[in-house]
């Protein structure tokens, strides 16, 4: 992966959109890490505790605290159901190479992380709406429920350079291990690490290099 690629430089995002409280970066061709969470994955009591301590924490500490809360597996964890997790993974893979290029992903019990490059013809909001609506509708049918499935907002982070890219892959694929769900990333069935281990997908580094 080349440091001088237009997608892996240190330049700041130029195209931002805002919906609700979180600004989002929308520019085709950039590699982004997207996090989508279930609607009940952040309990009100935990959010209140975090808000009380925000003034003495750095942004990184706040983000790490949030990640720890999510990894604790709060809420109904619909994605813990193998049928729903498989549905979510299949949904991500369905248009890979067409509407976007998947580089790394993991389906956790109450959230999913995706490292992805979007293409111009399919804007980020359109793709994410497609993912969320399909998984929610079909997932609710599988587990016999109705109502809210995802949080309204999502989190995105643009990838600045090769080091950031490698760290993002390591974080995403190591998430199940960090959360105590498995011993190695390749053991978690709903992730790029597992599919790579069995030869169904290639290296995220190699895939990114080929697209640059």
Protein backbone atom coordinates (compact mmCIF):
# COMPACT_ATOMS: atom_id res chain seq x y z
CA UNK A 1 0.00 0.00 0.00
CA UNK A 2 1.56 3.26 -1.11
CA UNK A 3 1.82 6.22 1.24
CA UNK A 4 1.46 8.61 -1.69
CA UNK A 5 -1.88 7.17 -2.79
CA UNK A 6 -4.63 9.78 -2.86
CA UNK A 7 -6.67 7.60 -0.52
CA UNK A 8 -4.04 7.12 2.15
CA UNK A 9 -2.62 10.58 2.74
CA UNK A 10 -2.91 12.78 5.82
CA UNK A 11 -5.24 15.35 4.27
CA UNK A 12 -8.29 16.20 6.31
CA UNK A 13 -11.78 15.29 5.07
CA UNK A 14 -13.31 17.80 2.68
CA UNK A 15 -16.86 16.54 2.37
CA UNK A 16 -18.88 16.26 5.57
CA UNK A 17 -22.58 15.72 6.12
CA UNK A 18 -24.48 15.91 9.36
CA UNK A 19 -27.63 14.13 10.44
CA UNK A 20 -28.61 14.31 14.08
CA UNK A 21 -25.68 14.90 16.40
CA UNK A 22 -22.82 13.23 14.55
CA UNK A 23 -21.10 14.73 11.47
CA UNK A 24 -20.20 12.18 8.79
CA UNK A 25 -17.57 12.15 6.12
CA UNK A 26 -18.89 11.32 2.65
CA UNK A 27 -16.41 11.21 -0.23
CA UNK A 28 -16.17 8.35 -2.75
CA UNK A 29 -12.89 6.50 -2.98
CA UNK A 30 -11.73 7.03 0.59
CA UNK A 31 -11.30 4.09 2.93
CA UNK A 32 -13.56 4.42 5.95
CA UNK A 33 -14.18 2.48 9.13
CA UNK A 34 -17.92 2.31 9.79
CA UNK A 35 -19.47 1.21 13.09
CA UNK A 36 -23.18 0.42 13.30
CA UNK A 37 -24.75 -0.49 16.66
CA UNK A 38 -27.99 -1.99 17.88
CA UNK A 39 -30.50 0.43 19.37
CA UNK A 40 -30.12 -0.79 22.96
CA UNK A 41 -26.35 -1.32 23.06
CA UNK A 42 -25.69 1.78 25.19
CA UNK A 43 -27.70 1.69 28.46
CA UNK A 44 -28.88 5.07 29.74
CA UNK A 45 -27.14 4.56 33.08
CA UNK A 46 -23.80 3.92 31.36
CA UNK A 47 -24.25 6.96 29.15
CA UNK A 48 -25.00 9.11 32.20
CA UNK A 49 -21.86 7.86 33.94
CA UNK A 50 -19.78 8.66 30.89
CA UNK A 51 -21.29 12.13 30.53
CA UNK A 52 -20.40 12.93 34.14
CA UNK A 53 -16.75 12.06 33.54
CA UNK A 54 -16.39 13.60 30.07
CA UNK A 55 -14.86 16.86 31.27
CA UNK A 56 -11.80 15.11 32.67
CA UNK A 57 -11.31 12.64 29.81
CA UNK A 58 -9.59 13.10 26.46
CA UNK A 59 -11.47 12.31 23.24
CA UNK A 60 -9.50 9.09 22.95
CA UNK A 61 -10.40 8.09 26.51
CA UNK A 62 -14.07 8.79 25.84
CA UNK A 63 -13.95 6.69 22.67
CA UNK A 64 -12.21 3.85 24.50
CA UNK A 65 -14.78 4.03 27.29
CA UNK A 66 -17.59 3.79 24.76
CA UNK A 67 -15.94 0.83 23.06
CA UNK A 68 -15.62 -0.94 26.42
CA UNK A 69 -19.33 -0.41 27.09
CA UNK A 70 -20.32 -1.78 23.70
CA UNK A 71 -17.96 -4.75 23.97
CA UNK A 72 -19.54 -5.65 27.32
CA UNK A 73 -22.54 -6.86 25.31
CA UNK A 74 -25.37 -4.76 26.74
CA UNK A 75 -28.87 -5.02 25.32
CA UNK A 76 -30.69 -7.85 23.61
CA UNK A 77 -27.73 -8.56 21.31
CA UNK A 78 -29.79 -9.70 18.33
CA UNK A 79 -26.59 -10.28 16.36
CA UNK A 80 -25.60 -12.99 18.83
CA UNK A 81 -28.14 -15.23 17.09
CA UNK A 82 -26.14 -17.14 14.44
CA UNK A 83 -28.95 -16.69 11.92
CA UNK A 84 -28.94 -12.92 12.29
CA UNK A 85 -25.13 -12.71 12.32
CA UNK A 86 -24.97 -14.78 9.13
CA UNK A 87 -27.65 -12.56 7.60
CA UNK A 88 -25.63 -9.44 8.44
CA UNK A 89 -22.42 -10.87 7.02
CA UNK A 90 -24.17 -12.03 3.87
CA UNK A 91 -25.71 -8.60 3.41
CA UNK A 92 -22.29 -6.94 3.57
CA UNK A 93 -20.86 -9.42 1.07
CA UNK A 94 -23.76 -9.26 -1.38
CA UNK A 95 -22.68 -6.10 -3.21
CA UNK A 96 -18.96 -6.31 -2.44
CA UNK A 97 -17.00 -5.39 -5.56
CA UNK A 98 -20.01 -3.63 -7.06
CA UNK A 99 -21.34 -0.87 -4.80
CA UNK A 100 -18.29 -0.84 -2.52
CA UNK A 101 -15.15 -2.79 -1.69
CA UNK A 102 -15.04 -4.58 1.66
CA UNK A 103 -11.58 -4.66 3.23
CA UNK A 104 -12.31 -5.95 6.74
CA UNK A 105 -15.37 -6.52 8.93
CA UNK A 106 -16.70 -8.19 12.04
CA UNK A 107 -20.22 -8.88 13.29
CA UNK A 108 -20.32 -8.57 17.09
CA UNK A 109 -23.33 -9.41 19.31
CA UNK A 110 -24.56 -5.80 19.46
CA UNK A 111 -22.64 -3.96 16.73
CA UNK A 112 -20.63 -4.40 13.57
CA UNK A 113 -17.44 -2.78 12.27
CA UNK A 114 -16.75 -2.47 8.54
CA UNK A 115 -13.62 -1.19 6.81
CA UNK A 116 -14.77 -0.26 3.33
CA UNK A 117 -14.11 1.82 0.24
CA UNK A 118 -17.25 3.29 -1.31
CA UNK A 119 -17.63 4.02 -5.02
CA UNK A 120 -19.00 7.21 -6.53
CA UNK A 121 -22.15 5.71 -7.98
CA UNK A 122 -23.38 4.52 -4.58
CA UNK A 123 -23.10 7.23 -1.89
CA UNK A 124 -22.37 6.26 1.70
CA UNK A 125 -25.85 7.10 3.08
CA UNK A 126 -27.53 5.02 0.38
CA UNK A 127 -25.37 1.96 1.08
CA UNK A 128 -25.72 2.21 4.85
CA UNK A 129 -29.48 2.65 4.60
CA UNK A 130 -29.61 -0.47 2.44
CA UNK A 131 -27.54 -2.49 4.94
CA UNK A 132 -29.47 -1.33 7.98
CA UNK A 133 -32.97 -1.64 6.54
CA UNK A 134 -32.45 -5.10 5.05
CA UNK A 135 -30.75 -6.55 8.12
CA UNK A 136 -33.37 -5.00 10.42
CA UNK A 137 -36.35 -6.23 8.40
CA UNK A 138 -35.06 -9.74 7.82
CA UNK A 139 -33.44 -10.00 11.25
CA UNK A 140 -36.66 -9.08 13.02
CA UNK A 141 -38.48 -11.77 11.05
CA UNK A 142 -35.88 -14.38 12.00
CA UNK A 143 -36.17 -13.72 15.73
CA UNK A 144 -39.89 -12.96 15.78
CA UNK A 145 -39.85 -9.36 16.87
CA UNK A 146 -40.66 -5.91 15.51
CA UNK A 147 -39.57 -2.37 16.21
CA UNK A 148 -36.26 -0.55 16.35
CA UNK A 149 -33.20 -2.60 15.52
CA UNK A 150 -30.29 -0.18 14.97
CA UNK A 151 -29.26 3.09 16.53
CA UNK A 152 -30.25 5.92 14.23
CA UNK A 153 -26.69 7.21 13.98
CA UNK A 154 -23.52 5.44 12.93
CA UNK A 155 -19.87 6.23 13.53
CA UNK A 156 -17.36 6.66 10.73
CA UNK A 157 -13.66 7.35 10.66
CA UNK A 158 -11.64 8.03 7.53
CA UNK A 159 -8.34 6.16 7.23
CA UNK A 160 -5.41 8.56 7.08
CA UNK A 161 -2.49 6.37 6.00
CA UNK A 162 -1.12 2.84 5.81
CA UNK A 163 -0.39 2.60 9.53
CA UNK A 164 -3.90 3.71 10.38
CA UNK A 165 -5.24 1.16 7.88
CA UNK A 166 -3.31 -1.73 9.44
CA UNK A 167 -4.35 -0.65 12.93
CA UNK A 168 -7.99 -0.52 11.85
CA UNK A 169 -7.84 -4.05 10.43
CA UNK A 170 -6.18 -5.32 13.62
CA UNK A 171 -8.79 -3.60 15.78
CA UNK A 172 -11.75 -4.88 13.76
CA UNK A 173 -10.61 -8.48 13.49
CA UNK A 174 -9.33 -8.54 17.07
CA UNK A 175 -12.60 -7.25 18.51
CA UNK A 176 -14.10 -10.69 19.31
CA UNK A 177 -10.88 -11.72 21.07
CA UNK A 178 -10.77 -8.51 23.09
CA UNK A 179 -14.41 -9.03 24.08
CA UNK A 180 -13.65 -12.57 25.26
CA UNK A 181 -15.77 -14.27 22.62
CA UNK A 182 -13.01 -16.43 21.13
CA UNK A 183 -9.31 -17.18 21.50
CA UNK A 184 -8.15 -16.05 18.07
CA UNK A 185 -9.68 -13.78 15.45
CA UNK A 186 -9.85 -16.65 12.95
CA UNK A 187 -12.19 -18.52 15.31
CA UNK A 188 -14.95 -15.93 15.02
CA UNK A 189 -17.24 -17.09 12.18
CA UNK A 190 -18.69 -13.70 11.27
CA UNK A 191 -15.59 -11.79 10.25
CA UNK A 192 -13.13 -11.21 7.44
CA UNK A 193 -10.45 -12.97 9.53
CA UNK A 194 -12.42 -16.23 9.47
CA UNK A 195 -13.21 -16.10 5.75
CA UNK A 196 -9.59 -15.27 4.98
CA UNK A 197 -8.43 -18.23 7.08
CA UNK A 198 -10.56 -20.61 5.02
CA UNK A 199 -9.55 -19.00 1.72
CA UNK A 200 -12.83 -17.28 0.87
CA UNK A 201 -11.42 -13.73 0.86
CA UNK A 202 -7.95 -12.31 0.28
CA UNK A 203 -5.71 -10.11 2.38
CA UNK A 204 -7.14 -6.66 3.15
CA UNK A 205 -3.71 -5.17 2.49
CA UNK A 206 -3.48 -6.80 -0.93
CA UNK A 207 -7.05 -5.82 -1.80
CA UNK A 208 -6.42 -2.21 -0.92
CA UNK A 209 -3.18 -2.12 -2.92
CA UNK A 210 -4.91 -3.49 -6.02
CA UNK A 211 -7.51 -0.73 -5.88
CA UNK A 212 -5.00 2.10 -5.50
